[in-house]
Amino acid sequence: MIVIGAVLLGILWGLYSARKRGGNTADLLQYATVYAIAFAIVGVIATIVLHRMLA
């Protein structure tokens, strides 16, 4: 669940960042993808840490 939320947050953050910089459609897609992947990695690490702490 953390990973899905992180991916969605990454997409939104990437779109916002690309629009703020005046990017075109390709830029919007690239930023959204890169941020989604980065946030997904952080989400996976957070999930593993949280699972290890509670187990």
C-alpha atoms as a PDB file:
ATOM      1  CA  MET A   1       0.000   0.000   0.000  1.00  0.00           C
ATOM      2  CA  ILE A   2       2.862   2.370   0.745  1.00  0.00           C
ATOM      3  CA  VAL A   3       4.372   1.687  -2.682  1.00  0.00           C
ATOM      4  CA  ILE A   4       1.145   2.468  -4.539  1.00  0.00           C
ATOM      5  CA  GLY A   5       0.747   5.734  -2.643  1.00  0.00           C
ATOM      6  CA  ALA A   6       4.373   6.609  -3.272  1.00  0.00           C
ATOM      7  CA  VAL A   7       4.025   5.953  -7.009  1.00  0.00           C
ATOM      8  CA  LEU A   8       0.923   8.127  -7.246  1.00  0.00           C
ATOM      9  CA  LEU A   9       2.611  10.887  -5.264  1.00  0.00           C
ATOM     10  CA  GLY A  10       5.658  10.603  -7.535  1.00  0.00           C
ATOM     11  CA  ILE A  11       3.519  10.948 -10.653  1.00  0.00           C
ATOM     12  CA  LEU A  12       1.817  14.044  -9.287  1.00  0.00           C
ATOM     13  CA  TRP A  13       5.088  15.575  -8.144  1.00  0.00           C
ATOM     14  CA  GLY A  14       6.708  14.853 -11.517  1.00  0.00           C
ATOM     15  CA  LEU A  15       3.832  16.436 -13.427  1.00  0.00           C
ATOM     16  CA  TYR A  16       3.922  19.495 -11.180  1.00  0.00           C
ATOM     17  CA  SER A  17       7.680  19.831 -11.541  1.00  0.00           C
ATOM     18  CA  ALA A  18       7.595  19.529 -15.339  1.00  0.00           C
ATOM     19  CA  ARG A  19       4.724  22.018 -15.680  1.00  0.00           C
ATOM     20  CA  LYS A  20       6.519  24.465 -13.419  1.00  0.00           C
ATOM     21  CA  ARG A  21       9.527  24.310 -15.738  1.00  0.00           C
ATOM     22  CA  GLY A  22       7.355  24.800 -18.829  1.00  0.00           C
ATOM     23  CA  GLY A  23       7.742  21.318 -20.279  1.00  0.00           C
ATOM     24  CA  ASN A  24       5.858  19.870 -23.221  1.00  0.00           C
ATOM     25  CA  THR A  25       3.948  16.556 -23.236  1.00  0.00           C
ATOM     26  CA  ALA A  26       7.086  14.428 -23.560  1.00  0.00           C
ATOM     27  CA  ASP A  27       8.673  16.253 -20.641  1.00  0.00           C
ATOM     28  CA  LEU A  28       5.549  15.731 -18.522  1.00  0.00           C
ATOM     29  CA  LEU A  29       5.588  12.002 -19.220  1.00  0.00           C
ATOM     30  CA  GLN A  30       9.308  11.667 -18.589  1.00  0.00           C
ATOM     31  CA  TYR A  31       9.240  13.576 -15.304  1.00  0.00           C
ATOM     32  CA  ALA A  32       6.173  11.646 -14.116  1.00  0.00           C
ATOM     33  CA  THR A  33       7.846   8.328 -14.939  1.00  0.00           C
ATOM     34  CA  VAL A  34      11.174   9.144 -13.329  1.00  0.00           C
ATOM     35  CA  TYR A  35       9.596  10.524 -10.170  1.00  0.00           C
ATOM     36  CA  ALA A  36       7.222   7.538  -9.969  1.00  0.00           C
ATOM     37  CA  ILE A  37      10.139   5.097 -10.176  1.00  0.00           C
ATOM     38  CA  ALA A  38      12.174   7.014  -7.596  1.00  0.00           C
ATOM     39  CA  PHE A  39       9.252   7.253  -5.186  1.00  0.00           C
ATOM     40  CA  ALA A  40       8.457   3.553  -5.732  1.00  0.00           C
ATOM     41  CA  ILE A  41      11.983   2.612  -4.683  1.00  0.00           C
ATOM     42  CA  VAL A  42      11.661   4.741  -1.552  1.00  0.00           C
ATOM     43  CA  GLY A  43       8.252   3.167  -0.910  1.00  0.00           C
ATOM     44  CA  VAL A  44       9.651  -0.352  -1.176  1.00  0.00           C
ATOM     45  CA  ILE A  45      12.451   0.492   1.246  1.00  0.00           C
ATOM     46  CA  ALA A  46       9.964   2.072   3.666  1.00  0.00           C
ATOM     47  CA  THR A  47       7.732  -1.008   3.439  1.00  0.00           C
ATOM     48  CA  ILE A  48      10.634  -3.360   4.175  1.00  0.00           C
ATOM     49  CA  VAL A  49      11.834  -1.263   7.114  1.00  0.00           C
ATOM     50  CA  LEU A  50       8.336  -0.979   8.545  1.00  0.00           C
ATOM     51  CA  HIS A  51       7.722  -4.705   8.133  1.00  0.00           C
ATOM     52  CA  ARG A  52      11.021  -5.573   9.829  1.00  0.00           C
ATOM     53  CA  MET A  53      10.285  -3.239  12.737  1.00  0.00           C
ATOM     54  CA  LEU A  54       6.816  -4.676  13.358  1.00  0.00           C
ATOM     55  CA  ALA A  55       7.765  -8.340  12.926  1.00  0.00           C
END
